[in-house]
């Protein structure tokens, strides 16, 4: 009986087929890995976009107003505080800014914006005006992603129409900043000193309304050293 030839072309053909199949499998695996990485990248970008706060017109006006006082304090005093100084209602702010050395501008920090915005809503819903009602300002900022080591927070609440940042964003920004700088009734002038502190380089601004209570307009300013 003739034995089958095991060393012929048939065996080579089978080997080639196995190699081809392995190659195809590796190519399919590579395509799948590339697709997975692409999806992960898209998801990361989407998450990043979703966690970035959009700057409102009011926030931009308030940033500009804060920087006006910080960068050109003497000019700010002349334009924003002279009338209050004339009526003896400026609480010393006119003289303070006329003699203040410029401290440099601040820029928006996304994490501080998120923290300040969330806290403004929290205060409005709870009908509160406290700095530590939901953790300290620094802890709230870190929770929102802030990587600095120091923060300073100002809170302002008002019901008059000129403080309505939705209807009057520019005048609301001007009046909120002016009131915080005048700091009437605040013995340590804490709001003024925080806003004009040279160690702060960034800021977050939060604003919301609560029409169910008399104090309608809530503003939170969170300054940071980074």
N, C-alpha and C. Protein backbone atom coordinates (compact mmCIF):
# COMPACT_ATOMS: atom_id res chain seq x y z
N UNK A 1 0.85 -1.18 0.00
CA UNK A 1 0.00 0.00 0.00
C UNK A 1 0.89 1.24 0.00
N UNK A 2 0.53 2.20 -0.84
CA UNK A 2 1.31 3.43 -0.95
C UNK A 2 0.97 4.36 0.19
N UNK A 3 2.03 4.80 0.91
CA UNK A 3 1.83 5.71 2.02
C UNK A 3 1.59 7.14 1.52
N UNK A 4 0.78 7.94 2.29
CA UNK A 4 0.54 9.32 1.86
C UNK A 4 1.80 10.15 2.03
N UNK A 5 2.00 11.07 1.13
CA UNK A 5 3.16 11.96 1.16
C UNK A 5 2.87 13.14 2.08
N UNK A 6 3.52 13.18 3.26
CA UNK A 6 3.28 14.23 4.26
C UNK A 6 4.22 15.43 4.10
N UNK A 7 5.09 15.36 3.17
CA UNK A 7 6.06 16.45 3.01
C UNK A 7 5.82 17.25 1.75
N UNK A 8 4.65 17.09 1.14
CA UNK A 8 4.39 17.72 -0.15
C UNK A 8 3.80 19.11 -0.02
N UNK A 9 3.23 19.67 -1.12
CA UNK A 9 2.68 21.02 -1.22
C UNK A 9 1.45 21.22 -0.33
N UNK A 10 0.72 20.13 -0.05
CA UNK A 10 -0.50 20.24 0.77
C UNK A 10 -0.19 20.78 2.16
N UNK A 11 0.88 20.28 2.76
CA UNK A 11 1.26 20.72 4.10
C UNK A 11 1.66 22.19 4.09
N UNK A 12 2.44 22.59 3.08
CA UNK A 12 2.86 23.99 2.95
C UNK A 12 1.65 24.90 2.79
N UNK A 13 0.68 24.44 2.03
CA UNK A 13 -0.53 25.23 1.81
C UNK A 13 -1.29 25.43 3.12
N UNK A 14 -1.36 24.35 3.94
CA UNK A 14 -2.04 24.47 5.23
C UNK A 14 -1.34 25.47 6.15
N UNK A 15 -0.02 25.45 6.15
CA UNK A 15 0.77 26.37 6.98
C UNK A 15 0.52 27.81 6.55
N UNK A 16 0.51 28.01 5.23
CA UNK A 16 0.25 29.37 4.71
C UNK A 16 -1.13 29.85 5.11
N UNK A 17 -2.09 28.94 5.09
CA UNK A 17 -3.47 29.30 5.47
C UNK A 17 -3.55 29.72 6.94
N UNK A 18 -2.84 28.95 7.79
CA UNK A 18 -2.84 29.28 9.22
C UNK A 18 -2.20 30.64 9.46
N UNK A 19 -1.09 30.91 8.80
CA UNK A 19 -0.40 32.20 8.94
C UNK A 19 -1.30 33.34 8.48
N UNK A 20 -1.99 33.12 7.36
CA UNK A 20 -2.89 34.14 6.82
C UNK A 20 -4.03 34.44 7.80
N UNK A 21 -4.59 33.39 8.38
CA UNK A 21 -5.68 33.57 9.34
C UNK A 21 -5.21 34.33 10.58
N UNK A 22 -4.01 33.98 11.06
CA UNK A 22 -3.46 34.68 12.21
C UNK A 22 -3.25 36.15 11.92
N UNK A 23 -2.75 36.42 10.71
CA UNK A 23 -2.50 37.81 10.30
C UNK A 23 -3.80 38.60 10.26
N UNK A 24 -4.84 37.98 9.70
CA UNK A 24 -6.15 38.63 9.62
C UNK A 24 -6.70 38.91 11.01
N UNK A 25 -6.53 37.93 11.91
CA UNK A 25 -7.01 38.11 13.28
C UNK A 25 -6.30 39.27 13.99
N UNK A 26 -4.98 39.36 13.76
CA UNK A 26 -4.21 40.44 14.37
C UNK A 26 -4.63 41.80 13.82
N UNK A 27 -4.90 41.84 12.51
CA UNK A 27 -5.36 43.09 11.90
C UNK A 27 -6.71 43.51 12.46
N UNK A 28 -7.60 42.56 12.62
CA UNK A 28 -8.93 42.84 13.18
C UNK A 28 -8.80 43.36 14.61
N UNK A 29 -7.91 42.72 15.39
CA UNK A 29 -7.68 43.13 16.77
C UNK A 29 -7.13 44.56 16.82
N UNK A 30 -6.20 44.86 15.91
CA UNK A 30 -5.62 46.20 15.87
C UNK A 30 -6.67 47.25 15.56
N UNK A 31 -7.55 46.93 14.59
CA UNK A 31 -8.63 47.86 14.22
C UNK A 31 -9.56 48.09 15.40
N UNK A 32 -9.88 47.01 16.13
CA UNK A 32 -10.76 47.14 17.30
C UNK A 32 -10.11 48.01 18.39
N UNK A 33 -8.81 47.81 18.62
CA UNK A 33 -8.12 48.60 19.63
C UNK A 33 -8.09 50.08 19.25
N UNK A 34 -7.86 50.34 17.97
CA UNK A 34 -7.86 51.73 17.50
C UNK A 34 -9.24 52.36 17.69
N UNK A 35 -10.29 51.60 17.39
CA UNK A 35 -11.66 52.09 17.54
C UNK A 35 -11.98 52.39 19.00
N UNK A 36 -11.53 51.49 19.89
CA UNK A 36 -11.78 51.68 21.32
C UNK A 36 -11.08 52.94 21.83
N UNK A 37 -9.81 53.12 21.43
CA UNK A 37 -9.06 54.30 21.86
C UNK A 37 -9.69 55.57 21.34
N UNK A 38 -10.20 55.51 20.10
CA UNK A 38 -10.87 56.68 19.51
C UNK A 38 -12.12 57.04 20.29
N UNK A 39 -12.89 56.02 20.67
CA UNK A 39 -14.11 56.25 21.46
C UNK A 39 -13.77 56.84 22.83
N UNK A 40 -12.69 56.32 23.44
CA UNK A 40 -12.29 56.82 24.75
C UNK A 40 -11.85 58.28 24.65
N UNK A 41 -11.16 58.63 23.56
CA UNK A 41 -10.73 60.01 23.36
C UNK A 41 -11.92 60.93 23.17
N UNK A 42 -12.89 60.47 22.36
CA UNK A 42 -14.10 61.27 22.13
C UNK A 42 -14.85 61.48 23.43
N UNK A 43 -14.93 60.43 24.26
CA UNK A 43 -15.63 60.53 25.53
C UNK A 43 -14.92 61.50 26.47
N UNK A 44 -13.60 61.44 26.48
CA UNK A 44 -12.83 62.34 27.33
C UNK A 44 -13.02 63.79 26.90
N UNK A 45 -12.99 64.02 25.58
CA UNK A 45 -13.19 65.37 25.08
C UNK A 45 -14.59 65.86 25.41
N UNK A 46 -15.58 64.99 25.28
CA UNK A 46 -16.95 65.36 25.57
C UNK A 46 -17.11 65.70 27.05
N UNK A 47 -16.47 64.90 27.93
CA UNK A 47 -16.54 65.15 29.36
C UNK A 47 -15.89 66.48 29.70
N UNK A 48 -14.75 66.75 29.05
CA UNK A 48 -14.05 68.01 29.28
C UNK A 48 -14.91 69.20 28.88
N UNK A 49 -15.57 69.08 27.73
CA UNK A 49 -16.43 70.15 27.25
C UNK A 49 -17.59 70.38 28.21
N UNK A 50 -18.19 69.27 28.68
CA UNK A 50 -19.35 69.37 29.56
C UNK A 50 -18.99 70.00 30.90
N UNK A 51 -17.73 69.84 31.37
CA UNK A 51 -17.33 70.36 32.67
C UNK A 51 -16.76 71.77 32.58
N UNK A 52 -16.75 72.34 31.40
CA UNK A 52 -16.25 73.70 31.22
C UNK A 52 -17.43 74.66 31.19
N UNK A 53 -17.42 75.62 32.08
CA UNK A 53 -18.54 76.54 32.20
C UNK A 53 -18.47 77.61 31.11
N UNK A 54 -19.61 77.96 30.55
CA UNK A 54 -19.68 79.03 29.57
C UNK A 54 -19.69 80.37 30.30
N UNK A 55 -18.87 81.31 29.85
CA UNK A 55 -18.79 82.62 30.47
C UNK A 55 -19.97 83.47 30.01
N UNK A 56 -20.75 83.96 30.96
CA UNK A 56 -21.90 84.80 30.62
C UNK A 56 -21.45 86.25 30.42
N UNK A 57 -22.33 87.04 29.85
CA UNK A 57 -22.05 88.47 29.67
C UNK A 57 -21.81 89.14 31.02
N UNK A 58 -22.63 88.79 31.99
CA UNK A 58 -22.48 89.37 33.33
C UNK A 58 -21.13 89.01 33.95
N UNK A 59 -20.73 87.75 33.85
CA UNK A 59 -19.44 87.34 34.40
C UNK A 59 -18.29 88.11 33.76
N UNK A 60 -18.37 88.31 32.46
CA UNK A 60 -17.31 89.05 31.77
C UNK A 60 -17.29 90.51 32.21
N UNK A 61 -18.46 91.12 32.33
CA UNK A 61 -18.53 92.51 32.82
C UNK A 61 -17.95 92.61 34.23
N UNK A 62 -18.29 91.65 35.09
CA UNK A 62 -17.78 91.71 36.46
C UNK A 62 -16.27 91.50 36.49
N UNK A 63 -15.75 90.59 35.68
CA UNK A 63 -14.30 90.42 35.60
C UNK A 63 -13.63 91.72 35.17
N UNK A 64 -14.19 92.36 34.16
CA UNK A 64 -13.63 93.63 33.68
C UNK A 64 -13.66 94.69 34.77
N UNK A 65 -14.75 94.70 35.54
CA UNK A 65 -14.89 95.71 36.61
C UNK A 65 -13.91 95.44 37.75
N UNK A 66 -13.75 94.19 38.11
CA UNK A 66 -12.76 93.83 39.14
C UNK A 66 -11.36 94.25 38.70
N UNK A 67 -11.03 93.96 37.45
CA UNK A 67 -9.70 94.31 36.95
C UNK A 67 -9.52 95.81 36.79
N UNK A 68 -10.59 96.53 36.52
CA UNK A 68 -10.53 97.99 36.47
C UNK A 68 -10.06 98.52 37.83
N UNK A 69 -10.66 98.01 38.90
CA UNK A 69 -10.29 98.46 40.24
C UNK A 69 -8.87 98.01 40.61
N UNK A 70 -8.46 96.84 40.17
CA UNK A 70 -7.14 96.30 40.53
C UNK A 70 -6.02 96.97 39.74
N UNK A 71 -6.25 97.18 38.46
CA UNK A 71 -5.18 97.67 37.58
C UNK A 71 -5.11 99.20 37.57
N UNK A 72 -6.27 99.87 37.67
CA UNK A 72 -6.32 101.34 37.65
C UNK A 72 -7.12 101.85 38.85
N UNK A 73 -6.65 101.60 40.06
CA UNK A 73 -7.43 101.95 41.25
C UNK A 73 -7.76 103.43 41.37
N UNK A 74 -6.82 104.30 41.04
CA UNK A 74 -7.07 105.74 41.14
C UNK A 74 -8.16 106.18 40.17
N UNK A 75 -8.09 105.68 38.94
CA UNK A 75 -9.11 106.01 37.95
C UNK A 75 -10.46 105.42 38.35
N UNK A 76 -10.44 104.21 38.90
CA UNK A 76 -11.67 103.59 39.37
C UNK A 76 -12.32 104.45 40.44
N UNK A 77 -11.51 104.94 41.37
CA UNK A 77 -12.03 105.78 42.45
C UNK A 77 -12.70 107.03 41.90
N UNK A 78 -12.08 107.64 40.91
CA UNK A 78 -12.65 108.86 40.33
C UNK A 78 -13.98 108.58 39.63
N UNK A 79 -14.05 107.47 38.92
CA UNK A 79 -15.23 107.19 38.11
C UNK A 79 -16.36 106.54 38.92
N UNK A 80 -16.02 105.67 39.85
CA UNK A 80 -17.04 104.87 40.54
C UNK A 80 -17.33 105.32 41.98
N UNK A 81 -16.40 106.01 42.62
CA UNK A 81 -16.55 106.27 44.06
C UNK A 81 -16.60 107.74 44.44
N UNK A 82 -16.38 108.62 43.50
CA UNK A 82 -16.29 110.05 43.82
C UNK A 82 -17.62 110.57 44.36
N UNK A 83 -18.73 110.16 43.75
CA UNK A 83 -20.04 110.62 44.21
C UNK A 83 -20.32 110.13 45.63
N UNK A 84 -19.95 108.88 45.92
CA UNK A 84 -20.14 108.35 47.28
C UNK A 84 -19.25 109.09 48.27
N UNK A 85 -18.05 109.43 47.83
CA UNK A 85 -17.14 110.18 48.70
C UNK A 85 -17.72 111.56 49.00
N UNK A 86 -18.34 112.17 48.00
CA UNK A 86 -18.95 113.49 48.20
C UNK A 86 -20.10 113.48 49.18
N UNK A 87 -20.79 112.35 49.25
CA UNK A 87 -21.92 112.23 50.18
C UNK A 87 -21.52 111.50 51.47
N UNK A 88 -20.22 111.29 51.66
CA UNK A 88 -19.67 110.65 52.86
C UNK A 88 -20.23 109.23 53.06
N UNK A 89 -20.49 108.55 51.96
CA UNK A 89 -21.02 107.19 52.06
C UNK A 89 -20.10 106.16 51.41
N UNK A 90 -18.84 106.55 51.20
CA UNK A 90 -17.91 105.65 50.51
C UNK A 90 -17.12 104.78 51.48
N UNK A 91 -17.27 104.99 52.79
CA UNK A 91 -16.60 104.17 53.80
C UNK A 91 -15.07 104.16 53.62
N UNK A 92 -14.55 105.28 53.18
CA UNK A 92 -13.10 105.40 53.01
C UNK A 92 -12.55 104.76 51.75
N UNK A 93 -13.43 104.22 50.91
CA UNK A 93 -12.95 103.48 49.73
C UNK A 93 -12.33 104.40 48.68
N UNK A 94 -12.84 105.63 48.58
CA UNK A 94 -12.29 106.56 47.58
C UNK A 94 -10.82 106.84 47.88
N UNK A 95 -10.54 107.22 49.10
CA UNK A 95 -9.16 107.50 49.49
C UNK A 95 -8.29 106.25 49.40
N UNK A 96 -8.86 105.12 49.78
CA UNK A 96 -8.10 103.86 49.76
C UNK A 96 -7.62 103.54 48.34
N UNK A 97 -8.51 103.62 47.37
CA UNK A 97 -8.12 103.29 46.00
C UNK A 97 -7.27 104.39 45.36
N UNK A 98 -7.47 105.65 45.76
CA UNK A 98 -6.63 106.72 45.21
C UNK A 98 -5.17 106.51 45.60
N UNK A 99 -4.94 105.86 46.72
CA UNK A 99 -3.58 105.65 47.21
C UNK A 99 -3.09 104.21 47.05
N UNK A 100 -3.88 103.39 46.38
CA UNK A 100 -3.53 101.97 46.23
C UNK A 100 -2.58 101.77 45.06
N UNK A 101 -1.51 101.01 45.28
CA UNK A 101 -0.63 100.59 44.19
C UNK A 101 -1.33 99.52 43.38
N UNK A 102 -1.35 99.65 42.05
CA UNK A 102 -2.01 98.63 41.22
C UNK A 102 -1.52 97.22 41.56
N UNK A 103 -2.45 96.28 41.57
CA UNK A 103 -2.11 94.93 42.01
C UNK A 103 -2.15 93.90 40.88
N UNK A 104 -2.45 94.30 39.67
CA UNK A 104 -2.46 93.36 38.56
C UNK A 104 -3.82 92.70 38.39
N UNK A 105 -4.09 92.28 37.18
CA UNK A 105 -5.40 91.72 36.84
C UNK A 105 -5.51 90.26 37.26
N UNK A 106 -6.74 89.78 37.33
CA UNK A 106 -7.02 88.36 37.55
C UNK A 106 -7.69 87.81 36.30
N UNK A 107 -7.58 86.50 36.12
CA UNK A 107 -8.19 85.83 34.98
C UNK A 107 -9.17 84.78 35.48
N UNK A 108 -10.09 84.38 34.61
CA UNK A 108 -11.03 83.34 34.99
C UNK A 108 -10.31 82.00 35.19
N UNK A 109 -10.74 81.29 36.21
CA UNK A 109 -10.33 79.90 36.43
C UNK A 109 -11.59 79.06 36.34
N UNK A 110 -11.59 78.06 35.46
CA UNK A 110 -12.80 77.28 35.22
C UNK A 110 -13.30 76.59 36.49
N UNK A 111 -12.40 76.03 37.28
CA UNK A 111 -12.80 75.34 38.50
C UNK A 111 -13.42 76.31 39.50
N UNK A 112 -12.86 77.51 39.60
CA UNK A 112 -13.44 78.51 40.50
C UNK A 112 -14.79 78.99 39.99
N UNK A 113 -14.93 79.10 38.68
CA UNK A 113 -16.23 79.46 38.12
C UNK A 113 -17.28 78.41 38.45
N UNK A 114 -16.91 77.15 38.32
CA UNK A 114 -17.84 76.07 38.65
C UNK A 114 -18.21 76.10 40.13
N UNK A 115 -17.20 76.28 40.98
CA UNK A 115 -17.43 76.29 42.42
C UNK A 115 -18.31 77.47 42.82
N UNK A 116 -17.99 78.66 42.31
CA UNK A 116 -18.76 79.86 42.66
C UNK A 116 -20.19 79.77 42.15
N UNK A 117 -20.36 79.25 40.94
CA UNK A 117 -21.70 79.12 40.37
C UNK A 117 -22.55 78.13 41.15
N UNK A 118 -21.97 77.00 41.50
CA UNK A 118 -22.70 75.99 42.29
C UNK A 118 -23.07 76.54 43.66
N UNK A 119 -22.16 77.30 44.25
CA UNK A 119 -22.43 77.80 45.60
C UNK A 119 -23.49 78.90 45.59
N UNK A 120 -23.50 79.72 44.55
CA UNK A 120 -24.54 80.74 44.43
C UNK A 120 -25.92 80.09 44.39
N UNK A 121 -26.04 79.01 43.63
CA UNK A 121 -27.31 78.29 43.56
C UNK A 121 -27.64 77.69 44.92
N UNK A 122 -26.65 77.11 45.57
CA UNK A 122 -26.86 76.50 46.90
C UNK A 122 -27.39 77.54 47.88
N UNK A 123 -26.79 78.72 47.91
CA UNK A 123 -27.22 79.77 48.83
C UNK A 123 -28.64 80.24 48.52
N UNK A 124 -28.94 80.38 47.24
CA UNK A 124 -30.27 80.85 46.85
C UNK A 124 -31.35 79.84 47.24
N UNK A 125 -31.07 78.57 47.00
CA UNK A 125 -32.05 77.53 47.32
C UNK A 125 -32.26 77.43 48.83
N UNK A 126 -31.16 77.56 49.59
CA UNK A 126 -31.24 77.42 51.05
C UNK A 126 -31.59 78.73 51.74
N UNK A 127 -31.64 79.84 50.97
CA UNK A 127 -31.89 81.17 51.54
C UNK A 127 -30.85 81.50 52.62
N UNK A 128 -29.57 81.38 52.23
CA UNK A 128 -28.46 81.59 53.16
C UNK A 128 -27.51 82.66 52.64
N UNK A 129 -26.68 83.17 53.54
CA UNK A 129 -25.60 84.08 53.17
C UNK A 129 -24.39 83.75 54.03
N UNK A 130 -23.86 82.55 53.89
CA UNK A 130 -22.76 82.05 54.69
C UNK A 130 -21.64 81.51 53.80
N UNK A 131 -20.42 81.60 54.29
CA UNK A 131 -19.27 81.14 53.49
C UNK A 131 -18.99 79.65 53.64
N UNK A 132 -19.41 79.05 54.75
CA UNK A 132 -19.02 77.66 55.02
C UNK A 132 -20.22 76.72 55.13
N UNK A 133 -21.31 77.07 54.49
CA UNK A 133 -22.53 76.26 54.61
C UNK A 133 -22.43 74.93 53.86
N UNK A 134 -21.52 74.85 52.90
CA UNK A 134 -21.34 73.61 52.14
C UNK A 134 -19.85 73.30 52.02
N UNK A 135 -19.13 73.42 53.12
CA UNK A 135 -17.68 73.28 53.10
C UNK A 135 -17.03 74.65 52.95
N UNK A 136 -15.77 74.75 53.31
CA UNK A 136 -15.06 76.02 53.17
C UNK A 136 -14.90 76.37 51.69
N UNK A 137 -14.67 77.66 51.38
CA UNK A 137 -14.45 78.04 49.98
C UNK A 137 -13.33 77.25 49.31
N UNK A 138 -12.22 77.01 50.04
CA UNK A 138 -11.11 76.27 49.47
C UNK A 138 -11.49 74.82 49.20
N UNK A 139 -12.18 74.19 50.14
CA UNK A 139 -12.59 72.80 49.95
C UNK A 139 -13.56 72.67 48.78
N UNK A 140 -14.48 73.62 48.64
CA UNK A 140 -15.41 73.58 47.52
C UNK A 140 -14.67 73.78 46.19
N UNK A 141 -13.68 74.67 46.20
CA UNK A 141 -12.91 74.92 44.98
C UNK A 141 -12.12 73.68 44.57
N UNK A 142 -11.46 73.05 45.56
CA UNK A 142 -10.69 71.83 45.28
C UNK A 142 -11.62 70.73 44.77
N UNK A 143 -12.80 70.64 45.35
CA UNK A 143 -13.79 69.66 44.91
C UNK A 143 -14.17 69.86 43.45
N UNK A 144 -14.12 71.12 43.01
CA UNK A 144 -14.46 71.45 41.62
C UNK A 144 -13.27 71.32 40.69
N UNK A 145 -12.07 71.02 41.25
CA UNK A 145 -10.89 70.81 40.41
C UNK A 145 -9.80 71.84 40.58
N UNK A 146 -9.97 72.81 41.47
CA UNK A 146 -8.96 73.85 41.67
C UNK A 146 -7.70 73.25 42.27
N UNK A 147 -6.53 73.66 41.75
CA UNK A 147 -5.27 73.07 42.19
C UNK A 147 -4.43 74.03 43.02
N UNK A 148 -4.97 75.19 43.35
CA UNK A 148 -4.26 76.14 44.18
C UNK A 148 -4.35 75.79 45.65
N UNK A 149 -3.76 76.67 46.49
CA UNK A 149 -3.70 76.39 47.93
C UNK A 149 -4.39 77.46 48.76
N UNK A 150 -4.90 78.51 48.12
CA UNK A 150 -5.55 79.58 48.89
C UNK A 150 -6.67 80.20 48.07
N UNK A 151 -7.76 80.52 48.75
CA UNK A 151 -8.89 81.19 48.11
C UNK A 151 -9.42 82.28 49.02
N UNK A 152 -10.12 83.22 48.43
CA UNK A 152 -10.83 84.25 49.18
C UNK A 152 -12.20 84.42 48.55
N UNK A 153 -13.22 84.49 49.37
CA UNK A 153 -14.58 84.49 48.83
C UNK A 153 -15.36 85.73 49.27
N UNK A 154 -16.07 86.34 48.32
CA UNK A 154 -17.01 87.41 48.58
C UNK A 154 -18.41 86.95 48.19
N UNK A 155 -19.39 87.29 49.01
CA UNK A 155 -20.78 87.00 48.72
C UNK A 155 -21.56 88.31 48.79
N UNK A 156 -22.41 88.54 47.81
CA UNK A 156 -23.27 89.73 47.82
C UNK A 156 -24.67 89.33 47.38
N UNK A 157 -25.65 89.86 48.09
CA UNK A 157 -27.05 89.55 47.79
C UNK A 157 -27.83 90.87 47.76
N UNK A 158 -28.64 91.07 46.74
CA UNK A 158 -29.39 92.32 46.62
C UNK A 158 -30.68 92.09 45.87
N UNK A 159 -31.67 92.93 46.15
CA UNK A 159 -32.98 92.76 45.54
C UNK A 159 -33.35 93.87 44.56
N UNK A 160 -32.63 95.00 44.58
CA UNK A 160 -32.97 96.11 43.71
C UNK A 160 -32.77 95.75 42.24
N UNK A 161 -33.53 96.40 41.38
CA UNK A 161 -33.51 96.07 39.96
C UNK A 161 -32.17 96.29 39.29
N UNK A 162 -31.38 97.24 39.76
CA UNK A 162 -30.08 97.50 39.13
C UNK A 162 -29.08 96.38 39.40
N UNK A 163 -29.44 95.44 40.31
CA UNK A 163 -28.59 94.29 40.58
C UNK A 163 -29.05 93.05 39.81
N UNK A 164 -30.02 93.20 38.97
CA UNK A 164 -30.52 92.09 38.17
C UNK A 164 -29.57 91.85 37.01
N UNK A 165 -28.74 90.83 37.14
CA UNK A 165 -27.69 90.58 36.14
C UNK A 165 -28.23 90.00 34.85
N UNK A 166 -29.46 89.55 34.86
CA UNK A 166 -30.05 89.02 33.63
C UNK A 166 -30.60 90.17 32.79
N UNK A 167 -31.31 91.07 33.45
CA UNK A 167 -31.89 92.21 32.73
C UNK A 167 -30.87 93.31 32.48
N UNK A 168 -29.95 93.52 33.45
CA UNK A 168 -28.98 94.62 33.35
C UNK A 168 -27.57 94.12 33.71
N UNK A 169 -26.96 93.30 32.87
CA UNK A 169 -25.68 92.68 33.25
C UNK A 169 -24.55 93.67 33.53
N UNK A 170 -24.46 94.74 32.75
CA UNK A 170 -23.35 95.69 32.95
C UNK A 170 -23.54 96.50 34.23
N UNK A 171 -24.74 97.07 34.42
CA UNK A 171 -24.96 97.88 35.62
C UNK A 171 -24.90 97.01 36.87
N UNK A 172 -25.37 95.77 36.78
CA UNK A 172 -25.30 94.86 37.93
C UNK A 172 -23.86 94.58 38.30
N UNK A 173 -23.01 94.34 37.31
CA UNK A 173 -21.59 94.08 37.57
C UNK A 173 -20.94 95.29 38.22
N UNK A 174 -21.21 96.48 37.69
CA UNK A 174 -20.63 97.71 38.25
C UNK A 174 -21.07 97.91 39.69
N UNK A 175 -22.37 97.75 39.94
CA UNK A 175 -22.90 98.04 41.28
C UNK A 175 -22.48 96.99 42.30
N UNK A 176 -22.44 95.72 41.91
CA UNK A 176 -22.01 94.69 42.84
C UNK A 176 -20.54 94.91 43.26
N UNK A 177 -19.69 95.18 42.30
CA UNK A 177 -18.27 95.40 42.62
C UNK A 177 -18.11 96.65 43.48
N UNK A 178 -18.83 97.72 43.14
CA UNK A 178 -18.73 98.96 43.90
C UNK A 178 -19.17 98.76 45.35
N UNK A 179 -20.29 98.07 45.56
CA UNK A 179 -20.80 97.81 46.90
C UNK A 179 -19.81 96.99 47.72
N UNK A 180 -19.21 95.99 47.09
CA UNK A 180 -18.24 95.15 47.80
C UNK A 180 -16.98 95.93 48.16
N UNK A 181 -16.58 96.86 47.30
CA UNK A 181 -15.40 97.68 47.60
C UNK A 181 -15.70 98.71 48.69
N UNK A 182 -16.87 99.31 48.66
CA UNK A 182 -17.26 100.24 49.73
C UNK A 182 -17.34 99.51 51.06
N UNK A 183 -17.92 98.31 51.06
CA UNK A 183 -17.93 97.45 52.24
C UNK A 183 -18.59 98.13 53.45
N UNK A 184 -19.70 98.77 53.21
CA UNK A 184 -20.41 99.45 54.30
C UNK A 184 -20.84 98.45 55.38
N UNK A 185 -20.56 98.79 56.61
CA UNK A 185 -20.96 97.96 57.73
C UNK A 185 -20.03 96.78 58.00
N UNK A 186 -18.97 96.64 57.22
CA UNK A 186 -18.01 95.53 57.42
C UNK A 186 -16.75 96.13 58.05
N UNK A 187 -16.55 95.86 59.32
CA UNK A 187 -15.50 96.54 60.08
C UNK A 187 -14.09 96.21 59.58
N UNK A 188 -13.88 94.98 59.12
CA UNK A 188 -12.54 94.60 58.68
C UNK A 188 -12.30 94.83 57.19
N UNK A 189 -13.32 95.37 56.51
CA UNK A 189 -13.22 95.65 55.06
C UNK A 189 -12.81 94.41 54.28
N UNK A 190 -13.30 93.26 54.73
CA UNK A 190 -12.86 91.99 54.16
C UNK A 190 -13.14 91.83 52.67
N UNK A 191 -14.30 92.27 52.22
CA UNK A 191 -14.62 92.13 50.79
C UNK A 191 -13.67 92.95 49.93
N UNK A 192 -13.42 94.19 50.36
CA UNK A 192 -12.51 95.07 49.61
C UNK A 192 -11.10 94.48 49.56
N UNK A 193 -10.64 94.02 50.70
CA UNK A 193 -9.27 93.51 50.78
C UNK A 193 -9.10 92.23 49.96
N UNK A 194 -10.10 91.38 49.94
CA UNK A 194 -10.03 90.17 49.13
C UNK A 194 -9.98 90.53 47.65
N UNK A 195 -10.87 91.41 47.22
CA UNK A 195 -10.94 91.74 45.80
C UNK A 195 -9.67 92.42 45.29
N UNK A 196 -8.99 93.14 46.17
CA UNK A 196 -7.81 93.90 45.76
C UNK A 196 -6.50 93.29 46.27
N UNK A 197 -6.55 92.02 46.64
CA UNK A 197 -5.38 91.33 47.17
C UNK A 197 -4.45 90.90 46.04
N UNK A 198 -3.18 91.32 46.07
CA UNK A 198 -2.26 90.99 44.97
C UNK A 198 -1.90 89.51 44.87
N UNK A 199 -2.12 88.72 45.95
CA UNK A 199 -1.76 87.30 45.88
C UNK A 199 -2.73 86.50 45.02
N UNK A 200 -3.90 87.04 44.76
CA UNK A 200 -4.88 86.32 43.94
C UNK A 200 -4.64 86.59 42.46
N UNK A 201 -4.60 85.52 41.70
CA UNK A 201 -4.31 85.60 40.26
C UNK A 201 -5.51 85.20 39.40
N UNK A 202 -6.45 84.49 40.00
CA UNK A 202 -7.61 84.00 39.24
C UNK A 202 -8.89 84.25 40.03
N UNK A 203 -10.01 84.09 39.34
CA UNK A 203 -11.30 84.31 40.00
C UNK A 203 -12.37 83.46 39.34
N UNK A 204 -13.37 83.12 40.11
CA UNK A 204 -14.58 82.49 39.58
C UNK A 204 -15.77 83.32 40.04
N UNK A 205 -16.74 83.47 39.18
CA UNK A 205 -17.91 84.30 39.51
C UNK A 205 -19.18 83.49 39.32
N UNK A 206 -20.00 83.47 40.35
CA UNK A 206 -21.27 82.78 40.28
C UNK A 206 -22.42 83.75 40.46
N UNK A 207 -23.51 83.50 39.75
CA UNK A 207 -24.70 84.37 39.89
C UNK A 207 -25.95 83.53 39.67
N UNK A 208 -26.95 83.82 40.48
CA UNK A 208 -28.25 83.19 40.27
C UNK A 208 -29.33 84.06 40.89
N UNK A 209 -30.56 83.72 40.61
CA UNK A 209 -31.70 84.42 41.18
C UNK A 209 -32.62 83.43 41.89
N UNK A 210 -33.34 83.95 42.87
CA UNK A 210 -34.37 83.16 43.53
C UNK A 210 -35.57 84.08 43.74
N UNK A 211 -36.56 83.95 42.89
CA UNK A 211 -37.69 84.86 42.91
C UNK A 211 -38.68 84.55 44.02
N UNK A 212 -38.45 83.48 44.79
CA UNK A 212 -39.40 83.12 45.85
C UNK A 212 -39.09 83.83 47.17
N UNK A 213 -37.98 84.55 47.23
CA UNK A 213 -37.61 85.26 48.45
C UNK A 213 -37.28 86.71 48.10
N UNK A 214 -37.32 87.62 49.06
CA UNK A 214 -37.09 89.04 48.76
C UNK A 214 -35.71 89.34 48.20
N UNK A 215 -34.68 88.66 48.72
CA UNK A 215 -33.32 88.90 48.24
C UNK A 215 -33.09 88.09 46.97
N UNK A 216 -33.27 88.75 45.84
CA UNK A 216 -33.40 88.04 44.57
C UNK A 216 -32.08 87.64 43.94
N UNK A 217 -31.08 88.50 43.97
CA UNK A 217 -29.85 88.32 43.19
C UNK A 217 -28.68 87.91 44.08
N UNK A 218 -28.09 86.76 43.74
CA UNK A 218 -26.98 86.20 44.51
C UNK A 218 -25.71 86.21 43.67
N UNK A 219 -24.63 86.77 44.23
CA UNK A 219 -23.32 86.77 43.58
C UNK A 219 -22.29 86.15 44.50
N UNK A 220 -21.47 85.28 43.95
CA UNK A 220 -20.33 84.70 44.68
C UNK A 220 -19.07 84.95 43.86
N UNK A 221 -18.07 85.52 44.49
CA UNK A 221 -16.75 85.69 43.88
C UNK A 221 -15.77 84.80 44.64
N UNK A 222 -15.13 83.89 43.92
CA UNK A 222 -14.10 83.03 44.52
C UNK A 222 -12.76 83.35 43.88
N UNK A 223 -11.87 83.97 44.64
CA UNK A 223 -10.52 84.30 44.16
C UNK A 223 -9.55 83.18 44.55
N UNK A 224 -8.55 82.95 43.68
CA UNK A 224 -7.57 81.91 43.95
C UNK A 224 -6.16 82.36 43.69
N UNK A 225 -5.22 81.68 44.35
CA UNK A 225 -3.80 82.05 44.19
C UNK A 225 -3.15 81.33 43.00
N UNK A 226 -3.95 80.65 42.19
CA UNK A 226 -3.39 79.93 41.03
C UNK A 226 -4.33 80.12 39.84
